[in-house]
Amino acid sequence: MEFRDLPLEDADPATLAPYGELLGVERGRPTTRTRFYDDAVELVEKAPFVSDADTCLSIARVRPRPCEVTWMERHFKHTQVFLPLNREPYAVVLAPPGEGSLPDLAQARAFRFPGDCGFMMHLGTWHEFPFALHAPADMVVILRNETNRNLDAIADGEAIGEDLEKRNVRRRFGVTLRFAVPAA
């Protein structure tokens, strides 16, 4: 088995642009003031979230695990969102959307999120589920109910459905993507 080490990069709007959008009050989207409440309420311009009526909000507690990628998945019908709840830093390994049925591992990158901002992926962005870096990271995951059903349709260690391709990249490529966690 070959290992391919990925540097853990700080997530910022420019580096994430090929994969999705950083979400947070101070993360680059324009803000406006409401006509009510004087300056007590500032509204951040809405992100271009894509889904349909089958959307759900899940809560996940992500515990630290080895920072090695086994699976990468993508979604075709929604722009999946991860929103931290307890300000714990987390990391996500991403590869850009592509035409084939597998991610381009040569373009895979690992990003560190400080825990005070969320992330919304573009349609088709390949990703591994977030990694907690030091302590459990609680987060809201916005996705489709259909995706959860697709994840239950496991065949040969992978899942596939109308809104999901979840591929075992370790087995298919004979390589393990990994990254190192910096000291807290």
N, C-alpha and C. Protein backbone atom coordinates (compact mmCIF):
# COMPACT_ATOMS: atom_id res chain seq x y z
N MET A 1 0.84 -1.18 0.00
CA MET A 1 0.00 0.00 0.00
C MET A 1 0.88 1.24 0.00
N GLU A 2 0.64 2.11 -0.92
CA GLU A 2 1.36 3.38 -1.00
C GLU A 2 0.63 4.43 -0.18
N PHE A 3 1.39 5.31 0.48
CA PHE A 3 0.82 6.43 1.20
C PHE A 3 1.16 7.70 0.44
N ARG A 4 0.22 8.61 0.36
CA ARG A 4 0.44 9.91 -0.25
C ARG A 4 0.09 10.95 0.80
N ASP A 5 1.09 11.69 1.28
CA ASP A 5 0.89 12.68 2.33
C ASP A 5 0.40 13.98 1.72
N LEU A 6 -0.65 14.53 2.31
CA LEU A 6 -1.20 15.81 1.88
C LEU A 6 -0.86 16.86 2.92
N PRO A 7 -0.37 18.02 2.52
CA PRO A 7 -0.19 19.10 3.51
C PRO A 7 -1.57 19.55 3.98
N LEU A 8 -1.70 19.88 5.26
CA LEU A 8 -2.96 20.38 5.79
C LEU A 8 -2.94 21.90 5.65
N GLU A 9 -3.76 22.41 4.72
CA GLU A 9 -3.78 23.83 4.40
C GLU A 9 -4.89 24.53 5.17
N ASP A 10 -4.66 25.77 5.54
CA ASP A 10 -5.73 26.55 6.15
C ASP A 10 -6.78 26.85 5.09
N ALA A 11 -8.03 26.64 5.46
CA ALA A 11 -9.14 26.92 4.55
C ALA A 11 -9.36 28.42 4.46
N ASP A 12 -9.43 28.94 3.24
CA ASP A 12 -9.80 30.33 3.03
C ASP A 12 -10.60 30.41 1.73
N PRO A 13 -11.30 31.51 1.49
CA PRO A 13 -12.16 31.57 0.31
C PRO A 13 -11.46 31.25 -1.00
N ALA A 14 -10.24 31.71 -1.18
CA ALA A 14 -9.54 31.49 -2.45
C ALA A 14 -9.17 30.03 -2.65
N THR A 15 -8.61 29.38 -1.62
CA THR A 15 -8.18 27.99 -1.79
C THR A 15 -9.36 27.04 -1.91
N LEU A 16 -10.50 27.41 -1.36
CA LEU A 16 -11.69 26.55 -1.41
C LEU A 16 -12.54 26.78 -2.65
N ALA A 17 -12.27 27.82 -3.41
CA ALA A 17 -13.12 28.18 -4.55
C ALA A 17 -13.40 27.01 -5.51
N PRO A 18 -12.44 26.14 -5.83
CA PRO A 18 -12.75 25.03 -6.75
C PRO A 18 -13.70 23.99 -6.16
N TYR A 19 -13.85 23.97 -4.84
CA TYR A 19 -14.60 22.91 -4.17
C TYR A 19 -15.93 23.37 -3.59
N GLY A 20 -16.00 24.63 -3.16
CA GLY A 20 -17.20 25.13 -2.52
C GLY A 20 -16.95 26.48 -1.90
N GLU A 21 -17.72 26.79 -0.87
CA GLU A 21 -17.67 28.13 -0.30
C GLU A 21 -17.59 28.08 1.22
N LEU A 22 -16.71 28.89 1.78
CA LEU A 22 -16.59 29.06 3.22
C LEU A 22 -17.81 29.82 3.71
N LEU A 23 -18.38 29.37 4.84
CA LEU A 23 -19.58 30.01 5.38
C LEU A 23 -19.29 30.59 6.75
N GLY A 24 -19.69 31.82 6.98
CA GLY A 24 -19.53 32.47 8.27
C GLY A 24 -19.75 33.96 8.12
N VAL A 25 -19.96 34.62 9.23
CA VAL A 25 -20.26 36.05 9.18
C VAL A 25 -19.11 36.84 8.59
N GLU A 26 -17.89 36.50 8.93
CA GLU A 26 -16.73 37.26 8.45
C GLU A 26 -15.94 36.45 7.43
N ARG A 27 -16.60 35.86 6.45
CA ARG A 27 -15.95 34.97 5.49
C ARG A 27 -16.10 35.42 4.05
N GLY A 28 -16.30 36.72 3.82
CA GLY A 28 -16.22 37.24 2.47
C GLY A 28 -17.53 37.53 1.77
N ARG A 29 -18.66 37.07 2.28
CA ARG A 29 -19.93 37.39 1.63
C ARG A 29 -20.37 38.78 2.08
N PRO A 30 -20.98 39.55 1.20
CA PRO A 30 -21.45 40.89 1.56
C PRO A 30 -22.50 40.83 2.67
N THR A 31 -22.56 41.88 3.44
CA THR A 31 -23.56 41.97 4.50
C THR A 31 -24.42 43.21 4.30
N THR A 32 -25.62 43.15 4.85
CA THR A 32 -26.53 44.29 4.82
C THR A 32 -27.13 44.44 6.22
N ARG A 33 -27.69 45.59 6.45
CA ARG A 33 -28.39 45.83 7.71
C ARG A 33 -29.89 45.68 7.44
N THR A 34 -30.58 45.16 8.40
CA THR A 34 -32.02 45.07 8.30
C THR A 34 -32.63 46.43 8.62
N ARG A 35 -33.84 46.68 8.16
CA ARG A 35 -34.51 47.93 8.47
C ARG A 35 -35.01 47.94 9.91
N PHE A 36 -34.97 46.81 10.54
CA PHE A 36 -35.41 46.68 11.92
C PHE A 36 -34.19 46.48 12.82
N TYR A 37 -34.30 46.73 14.07
CA TYR A 37 -33.28 46.44 15.08
C TYR A 37 -32.04 47.32 14.99
N ASP A 38 -32.10 48.41 14.24
CA ASP A 38 -30.95 49.31 14.09
C ASP A 38 -29.73 48.51 13.62
N ASP A 39 -28.61 48.65 14.31
CA ASP A 39 -27.40 47.93 13.90
C ASP A 39 -27.23 46.60 14.66
N ALA A 40 -28.25 46.18 15.39
CA ALA A 40 -28.12 44.96 16.19
C ALA A 40 -28.16 43.69 15.36
N VAL A 41 -28.68 43.76 14.13
CA VAL A 41 -28.77 42.58 13.27
C VAL A 41 -28.12 42.89 11.94
N GLU A 42 -27.13 42.11 11.58
CA GLU A 42 -26.46 42.22 10.30
C GLU A 42 -26.72 40.93 9.53
N LEU A 43 -27.16 41.04 8.30
CA LEU A 43 -27.50 39.87 7.50
C LEU A 43 -26.40 39.59 6.50
N VAL A 44 -25.95 38.35 6.45
CA VAL A 44 -24.94 37.92 5.48
C VAL A 44 -25.69 37.48 4.23
N GLU A 45 -25.20 37.90 3.07
CA GLU A 45 -25.82 37.51 1.81
C GLU A 45 -25.94 35.98 1.75
N LYS A 46 -27.07 35.50 1.30
CA LYS A 46 -27.32 34.06 1.26
C LYS A 46 -26.34 33.37 0.31
N ALA A 47 -25.85 32.22 0.75
CA ALA A 47 -24.99 31.39 -0.10
C ALA A 47 -25.86 30.67 -1.12
N PRO A 48 -25.32 30.32 -2.28
CA PRO A 48 -26.12 29.68 -3.33
C PRO A 48 -26.34 28.19 -3.06
N PHE A 49 -27.04 27.87 -1.97
CA PHE A 49 -27.32 26.48 -1.59
C PHE A 49 -28.25 25.86 -2.62
N VAL A 50 -27.98 24.61 -3.01
CA VAL A 50 -28.78 23.89 -3.99
C VAL A 50 -29.30 22.61 -3.36
N SER A 51 -30.61 22.40 -3.46
CA SER A 51 -31.23 21.16 -3.03
C SER A 51 -32.68 21.20 -3.48
N ASP A 52 -33.48 20.29 -2.93
CA ASP A 52 -34.89 20.29 -3.22
C ASP A 52 -35.64 20.00 -1.93
N ALA A 53 -36.89 19.65 -2.00
CA ALA A 53 -37.71 19.47 -0.81
C ALA A 53 -37.29 18.28 0.04
N ASP A 54 -36.37 17.48 -0.41
CA ASP A 54 -35.94 16.28 0.33
C ASP A 54 -34.76 16.58 1.26
N THR A 55 -34.52 17.84 1.58
CA THR A 55 -33.38 18.26 2.39
C THR A 55 -33.62 17.96 3.86
N CYS A 56 -32.55 17.58 4.56
CA CYS A 56 -32.64 17.35 6.00
C CYS A 56 -31.43 17.94 6.70
N LEU A 57 -31.59 18.20 7.99
CA LEU A 57 -30.50 18.65 8.84
C LEU A 57 -30.15 17.50 9.77
N SER A 58 -28.93 17.05 9.72
CA SER A 58 -28.45 16.01 10.63
C SER A 58 -27.45 16.63 11.59
N ILE A 59 -27.35 16.07 12.76
CA ILE A 59 -26.34 16.49 13.72
C ILE A 59 -25.34 15.34 13.83
N ALA A 60 -24.06 15.66 13.75
CA ALA A 60 -23.01 14.63 13.84
C ALA A 60 -21.99 15.04 14.88
N ARG A 61 -21.55 14.10 15.66
CA ARG A 61 -20.39 14.29 16.54
C ARG A 61 -19.26 13.51 15.88
N VAL A 62 -18.23 14.23 15.45
CA VAL A 62 -17.10 13.62 14.76
C VAL A 62 -15.95 13.53 15.75
N ARG A 63 -15.56 12.31 16.08
CA ARG A 63 -14.47 12.09 17.02
C ARG A 63 -13.15 11.97 16.26
N PRO A 64 -12.04 12.33 16.90
CA PRO A 64 -10.75 12.16 16.22
C PRO A 64 -10.55 10.71 15.78
N ARG A 65 -10.02 10.54 14.58
CA ARG A 65 -9.71 9.23 14.00
C ARG A 65 -8.44 9.40 13.18
N PRO A 66 -7.82 8.32 12.75
CA PRO A 66 -6.63 8.47 11.92
C PRO A 66 -6.94 9.35 10.70
N CYS A 67 -6.04 10.24 10.39
CA CYS A 67 -6.23 11.19 9.30
C CYS A 67 -5.83 10.55 7.98
N GLU A 68 -6.51 9.48 7.65
CA GLU A 68 -6.29 8.72 6.43
C GLU A 68 -7.61 8.55 5.70
N VAL A 69 -7.59 8.72 4.39
CA VAL A 69 -8.80 8.65 3.58
C VAL A 69 -8.98 7.24 3.05
N THR A 70 -10.13 6.67 3.34
CA THR A 70 -10.53 5.39 2.76
C THR A 70 -11.54 5.61 1.65
N TRP A 71 -12.55 6.43 1.93
CA TRP A 71 -13.62 6.68 0.97
C TRP A 71 -13.64 8.14 0.56
N MET A 72 -14.08 8.38 -0.65
CA MET A 72 -14.44 9.72 -1.08
C MET A 72 -15.80 9.61 -1.76
N GLU A 73 -16.61 10.63 -1.55
CA GLU A 73 -17.96 10.61 -2.11
C GLU A 73 -18.27 11.95 -2.74
N ARG A 74 -19.34 11.94 -3.53
CA ARG A 74 -19.84 13.18 -4.12
C ARG A 74 -21.35 13.08 -4.24
N HIS A 75 -21.98 14.27 -4.39
CA HIS A 75 -23.42 14.36 -4.48
C HIS A 75 -23.81 15.12 -5.74
N PHE A 76 -24.90 14.70 -6.36
CA PHE A 76 -25.34 15.26 -7.63
C PHE A 76 -26.51 16.22 -7.51
N LYS A 77 -27.26 16.15 -6.38
CA LYS A 77 -28.50 16.90 -6.27
C LYS A 77 -28.48 17.98 -5.19
N HIS A 78 -27.41 18.07 -4.42
CA HIS A 78 -27.38 19.11 -3.39
C HIS A 78 -25.95 19.54 -3.10
N THR A 79 -25.85 20.73 -2.57
CA THR A 79 -24.57 21.30 -2.18
C THR A 79 -24.41 21.06 -0.67
N GLN A 80 -23.85 19.92 -0.31
CA GLN A 80 -23.76 19.52 1.09
C GLN A 80 -23.04 20.59 1.92
N VAL A 81 -23.52 20.74 3.18
CA VAL A 81 -23.01 21.77 4.07
C VAL A 81 -22.61 21.15 5.40
N PHE A 82 -21.48 21.60 5.95
CA PHE A 82 -21.03 21.25 7.29
C PHE A 82 -20.95 22.54 8.10
N LEU A 83 -21.67 22.61 9.23
CA LEU A 83 -21.69 23.79 10.09
C LEU A 83 -21.28 23.39 11.50
N PRO A 84 -20.12 23.85 11.98
CA PRO A 84 -19.68 23.47 13.32
C PRO A 84 -20.57 24.08 14.41
N LEU A 85 -20.73 23.33 15.48
CA LEU A 85 -21.54 23.81 16.61
C LEU A 85 -20.72 24.15 17.83
N ASN A 86 -19.56 23.51 18.01
CA ASN A 86 -18.82 23.70 19.27
C ASN A 86 -17.43 24.30 19.07
N ARG A 87 -17.20 24.94 17.93
CA ARG A 87 -15.98 25.69 17.65
C ARG A 87 -14.70 24.84 17.63
N GLU A 88 -14.84 23.53 17.51
CA GLU A 88 -13.65 22.67 17.42
C GLU A 88 -13.15 22.66 15.98
N PRO A 89 -11.85 22.78 15.77
CA PRO A 89 -11.32 22.73 14.41
C PRO A 89 -11.54 21.34 13.80
N TYR A 90 -11.66 21.34 12.49
CA TYR A 90 -11.86 20.09 11.76
C TYR A 90 -11.15 20.21 10.41
N ALA A 91 -11.01 19.08 9.74
CA ALA A 91 -10.37 19.06 8.42
C ALA A 91 -11.26 18.30 7.46
N VAL A 92 -11.16 18.66 6.18
CA VAL A 92 -11.88 17.96 5.12
C VAL A 92 -10.90 17.74 3.97
N VAL A 93 -10.87 16.52 3.42
CA VAL A 93 -10.08 16.22 2.23
C VAL A 93 -11.03 16.32 1.04
N LEU A 94 -10.61 17.10 0.03
CA LEU A 94 -11.45 17.42 -1.12
C LEU A 94 -10.73 17.15 -2.42
N ALA A 95 -11.50 16.80 -3.44
CA ALA A 95 -11.01 16.74 -4.82
C ALA A 95 -12.10 17.40 -5.67
N PRO A 96 -11.71 18.11 -6.72
CA PRO A 96 -12.71 18.86 -7.50
C PRO A 96 -13.68 17.93 -8.23
N PRO A 97 -14.85 18.49 -8.57
CA PRO A 97 -15.79 17.72 -9.39
C PRO A 97 -15.12 17.31 -10.70
N GLY A 98 -15.55 16.20 -11.26
CA GLY A 98 -14.98 15.74 -12.52
C GLY A 98 -15.99 14.90 -13.29
N GLU A 99 -15.61 14.53 -14.49
CA GLU A 99 -16.50 13.78 -15.37
C GLU A 99 -16.55 12.29 -15.07
N GLY A 100 -15.44 11.71 -14.61
CA GLY A 100 -15.38 10.27 -14.40
C GLY A 100 -16.11 9.83 -13.15
N SER A 101 -16.11 8.52 -12.91
CA SER A 101 -16.80 7.97 -11.74
C SER A 101 -15.87 7.83 -10.54
N LEU A 102 -14.66 8.38 -10.65
CA LEU A 102 -13.71 8.35 -9.54
C LEU A 102 -13.06 9.73 -9.40
N PRO A 103 -12.65 10.09 -8.17
CA PRO A 103 -11.97 11.38 -8.00
C PRO A 103 -10.57 11.36 -8.59
N ASP A 104 -10.08 12.52 -8.94
CA ASP A 104 -8.69 12.68 -9.39
C ASP A 104 -7.85 12.90 -8.14
N LEU A 105 -7.21 11.84 -7.65
CA LEU A 105 -6.45 11.94 -6.41
C LEU A 105 -5.24 12.86 -6.53
N ALA A 106 -4.77 13.09 -7.74
CA ALA A 106 -3.65 14.02 -7.93
C ALA A 106 -4.06 15.45 -7.56
N GLN A 107 -5.35 15.72 -7.57
CA GLN A 107 -5.84 17.06 -7.21
C GLN A 107 -6.42 17.12 -5.80
N ALA A 108 -6.32 16.04 -5.04
CA ALA A 108 -6.86 16.03 -3.68
C ALA A 108 -6.05 16.95 -2.77
N ARG A 109 -6.77 17.64 -1.89
CA ARG A 109 -6.13 18.55 -0.93
C ARG A 109 -6.82 18.40 0.41
N ALA A 110 -6.07 18.65 1.48
CA ALA A 110 -6.60 18.60 2.84
C ALA A 110 -6.67 20.03 3.38
N PHE A 111 -7.83 20.39 3.93
CA PHE A 111 -8.04 21.74 4.44
C PHE A 111 -8.41 21.71 5.92
N ARG A 112 -7.83 22.63 6.66
CA ARG A 112 -8.12 22.80 8.09
C ARG A 112 -9.10 23.96 8.24
N PHE A 113 -10.18 23.71 8.97
CA PHE A 113 -11.19 24.72 9.27
C PHE A 113 -11.09 25.05 10.75
N PRO A 114 -11.06 26.35 11.12
CA PRO A 114 -10.81 26.72 12.50
C PRO A 114 -11.95 26.44 13.47
N GLY A 115 -13.13 26.06 12.99
CA GLY A 115 -14.23 25.75 13.88
C GLY A 115 -15.21 26.89 14.07
N ASP A 116 -14.92 28.05 13.48
CA ASP A 116 -15.84 29.18 13.58
C ASP A 116 -16.51 29.48 12.24
N CYS A 117 -16.38 28.56 11.29
CA CYS A 117 -17.01 28.75 9.99
C CYS A 117 -17.41 27.40 9.42
N GLY A 118 -18.41 27.42 8.58
CA GLY A 118 -18.86 26.21 7.93
C GLY A 118 -18.33 26.13 6.51
N PHE A 119 -18.79 25.11 5.81
CA PHE A 119 -18.34 24.89 4.44
C PHE A 119 -19.49 24.31 3.63
N MET A 120 -19.72 24.88 2.44
CA MET A 120 -20.72 24.38 1.51
C MET A 120 -20.01 23.97 0.23
N MET A 121 -20.14 22.71 -0.15
CA MET A 121 -19.45 22.19 -1.34
C MET A 121 -20.25 22.46 -2.61
N HIS A 122 -19.54 22.60 -3.71
CA HIS A 122 -20.18 22.65 -5.02
C HIS A 122 -20.78 21.28 -5.32
N LEU A 123 -21.76 21.25 -6.20
CA LEU A 123 -22.28 19.97 -6.67
C LEU A 123 -21.13 19.14 -7.23
N GLY A 124 -21.09 17.87 -6.87
CA GLY A 124 -20.11 16.95 -7.44
C GLY A 124 -18.73 16.99 -6.82
N THR A 125 -18.48 17.83 -5.81
CA THR A 125 -17.16 17.87 -5.18
C THR A 125 -16.93 16.57 -4.41
N TRP A 126 -15.80 15.93 -4.68
CA TRP A 126 -15.42 14.71 -3.98
C TRP A 126 -14.91 15.08 -2.60
N HIS A 127 -15.28 14.30 -1.58
CA HIS A 127 -14.85 14.60 -0.22
C HIS A 127 -14.92 13.36 0.66
N GLU A 128 -14.13 13.38 1.70
CA GLU A 128 -14.25 12.42 2.79
C GLU A 128 -14.97 13.14 3.91
N PHE A 129 -15.72 12.42 4.73
CA PHE A 129 -16.43 13.05 5.84
C PHE A 129 -15.41 13.77 6.72
N PRO A 130 -15.77 14.90 7.32
CA PRO A 130 -14.81 15.68 8.10
C PRO A 130 -14.08 14.88 9.18
N PHE A 131 -12.87 15.33 9.47
CA PHE A 131 -12.02 14.76 10.51
C PHE A 131 -11.96 15.75 11.68
N ALA A 132 -12.26 15.30 12.89
CA ALA A 132 -12.01 16.13 14.08
C ALA A 132 -10.51 16.14 14.30
N LEU A 133 -9.95 17.30 14.66
CA LEU A 133 -8.50 17.39 14.77
C LEU A 133 -7.97 17.14 16.18
N HIS A 134 -8.65 17.60 17.22
CA HIS A 134 -8.11 17.45 18.58
C HIS A 134 -9.15 16.91 19.55
N ALA A 135 -10.39 17.29 19.39
CA ALA A 135 -11.47 16.89 20.28
C ALA A 135 -12.71 16.65 19.41
N PRO A 136 -13.72 16.00 19.95
CA PRO A 136 -14.92 15.81 19.13
C PRO A 136 -15.45 17.13 18.58
N ALA A 137 -15.79 17.12 17.31
CA ALA A 137 -16.35 18.29 16.63
C ALA A 137 -17.81 18.00 16.34
N ASP A 138 -18.69 18.78 16.93
CA ASP A 138 -20.12 18.63 16.68
C ASP A 138 -20.49 19.54 15.52
N MET A 139 -21.29 19.01 14.60
CA MET A 139 -21.66 19.82 13.45
C MET A 139 -23.03 19.46 12.91
N VAL A 140 -23.64 20.45 12.29
CA VAL A 140 -24.86 20.24 11.52
C VAL A 140 -24.40 19.84 10.12
N VAL A 141 -25.03 18.82 9.57
CA VAL A 141 -24.78 18.39 8.20
C VAL A 141 -26.09 18.57 7.44
N ILE A 142 -26.07 19.41 6.42
CA ILE A 142 -27.25 19.62 5.59
C ILE A 142 -27.08 18.76 4.34
N LEU A 143 -28.03 17.88 4.13
CA LEU A 143 -27.98 16.97 2.98
C LEU A 143 -29.39 16.51 2.66
N ARG A 144 -29.50 15.60 1.73
CA ARG A 144 -30.80 15.08 1.31
C ARG A 144 -31.09 13.77 2.04
N ASN A 145 -32.37 13.54 2.32
CA ASN A 145 -32.78 12.25 2.87
C ASN A 145 -32.41 11.12 1.92
N GLU A 146 -32.51 11.38 0.63
CA GLU A 146 -32.14 10.38 -0.37
C GLU A 146 -30.68 9.94 -0.21
N THR A 147 -29.81 10.88 0.15
CA THR A 147 -28.40 10.54 0.36
C THR A 147 -28.26 9.53 1.48
N ASN A 148 -28.99 9.75 2.58
CA ASN A 148 -28.95 8.79 3.68
C ASN A 148 -29.43 7.42 3.22
N ARG A 149 -30.48 7.38 2.40
CA ARG A 149 -30.95 6.09 1.87
C ARG A 149 -29.89 5.48 0.96
N ASN A 150 -29.24 6.31 0.13
CA ASN A 150 -28.18 5.81 -0.75
C ASN A 150 -27.03 5.21 0.05
N LEU A 151 -26.70 5.82 1.21
CA LEU A 151 -25.61 5.32 2.05
C LEU A 151 -25.92 3.94 2.64
N ASP A 152 -27.20 3.60 2.72
CA ASP A 152 -27.60 2.27 3.22
C ASP A 152 -27.51 1.21 2.14
N ALA A 153 -27.39 1.60 0.88
CA ALA A 153 -27.32 0.65 -0.24
C ALA A 153 -25.86 0.30 -0.53
N ILE A 154 -25.25 -0.46 0.38
CA ILE A 154 -23.82 -0.79 0.28
C ILE A 154 -23.63 -2.04 -0.56
N ALA A 155 -22.71 -1.96 -1.51
CA ALA A 155 -22.34 -3.11 -2.34
C ALA A 155 -20.82 -3.12 -2.46
N ASP A 156 -20.19 -4.18 -2.03
CA ASP A 156 -18.74 -4.34 -2.11
C ASP A 156 -18.01 -3.18 -1.42
N GLY A 157 -18.54 -2.75 -0.27
CA GLY A 157 -17.88 -1.71 0.51
C GLY A 157 -18.05 -0.30 -0.02
N GLU A 158 -18.92 -0.11 -0.99
CA GLU A 158 -19.18 1.21 -1.54
C GLU A 158 -20.69 1.43 -1.58
N ALA A 159 -21.09 2.67 -1.76
CA ALA A 159 -22.50 3.00 -1.87
C ALA A 159 -22.71 3.87 -3.11
N ILE A 160 -23.82 3.63 -3.77
CA ILE A 160 -24.12 4.41 -4.97
C ILE A 160 -25.63 4.59 -5.06
N GLY A 161 -26.05 5.73 -5.54
CA GLY A 161 -27.46 6.02 -5.73
C GLY A 161 -27.60 7.24 -6.61
N GLU A 162 -28.83 7.72 -6.72
CA GLU A 162 -29.07 8.86 -7.61
C GLU A 162 -28.40 10.14 -7.14
N ASP A 163 -28.14 10.26 -5.81
CA ASP A 163 -27.49 11.47 -5.30
C ASP A 163 -26.12 11.19 -4.70
N LEU A 164 -25.59 10.01 -4.89
CA LEU A 164 -24.35 9.66 -4.20
C LEU A 164 -23.50 8.68 -4.99
N GLU A 165 -22.21 8.94 -5.00
CA GLU A 165 -21.20 7.95 -5.33
C GLU A 165 -20.21 7.97 -4.17
N LYS A 166 -20.07 6.87 -3.45
CA LYS A 166 -19.11 6.75 -2.36
C LYS A 166 -18.17 5.61 -2.74
N ARG A 167 -16.94 5.97 -3.05
CA ARG A 167 -15.96 5.02 -3.59
C ARG A 167 -14.86 4.74 -2.58
N ASN A 168 -14.41 3.50 -2.51
CA ASN A 168 -13.29 3.11 -1.66
C ASN A 168 -12.02 3.41 -2.46
N VAL A 169 -11.47 4.60 -2.26
CA VAL A 169 -10.30 5.02 -3.04
C VAL A 169 -9.05 4.27 -2.62
N ARG A 170 -8.98 3.85 -1.39
CA ARG A 170 -7.82 3.07 -0.92
C ARG A 170 -7.73 1.77 -1.72
N ARG A 171 -8.84 1.08 -1.86
CA ARG A 171 -8.84 -0.20 -2.59
C ARG A 171 -8.71 0.03 -4.10
N ARG A 172 -9.43 1.00 -4.63
CA ARG A 172 -9.43 1.21 -6.08
C ARG A 172 -8.09 1.74 -6.62
N PHE A 173 -7.40 2.58 -5.84
CA PHE A 173 -6.16 3.17 -6.31
C PHE A 173 -4.92 2.55 -5.67
N GLY A 174 -5.09 1.77 -4.59
CA GLY A 174 -3.93 1.22 -3.89
C GLY A 174 -3.10 2.29 -3.21
N VAL A 175 -3.75 3.38 -2.83
CA VAL A 175 -3.06 4.49 -2.20
C VAL A 175 -3.92 5.00 -1.04
N THR A 176 -3.25 5.46 0.01
CA THR A 176 -3.95 6.06 1.14
C THR A 176 -3.54 7.53 1.24
N LEU A 177 -4.51 8.40 1.06
CA LEU A 177 -4.25 9.82 1.28
C LEU A 177 -4.26 10.05 2.78
N ARG A 178 -3.32 10.85 3.26
CA ARG A 178 -3.29 11.14 4.70
C ARG A 178 -2.69 12.52 4.91
N PHE A 179 -2.91 13.04 6.12
CA PHE A 179 -2.35 14.33 6.49
C PHE A 179 -2.01 14.28 7.96
N ALA A 180 -1.12 15.16 8.38
CA ALA A 180 -0.69 15.24 9.78
C ALA A 180 -1.46 16.36 10.47
N VAL A 181 -1.79 16.11 11.73
CA VAL A 181 -2.50 17.11 12.52
C VAL A 181 -1.47 17.94 13.29
N PRO A 182 -1.49 19.26 13.12
CA PRO A 182 -0.57 20.09 13.88
C PRO A 182 -0.91 20.06 15.37
N ALA A 183 0.05 20.34 16.21
CA ALA A 183 -0.18 20.38 17.66
C ALA A 183 -1.24 21.42 17.99
N ALA A 184 -2.00 21.13 19.03
CA ALA A 184 -3.08 22.04 19.43
C ALA A 184 -2.54 23.34 19.99
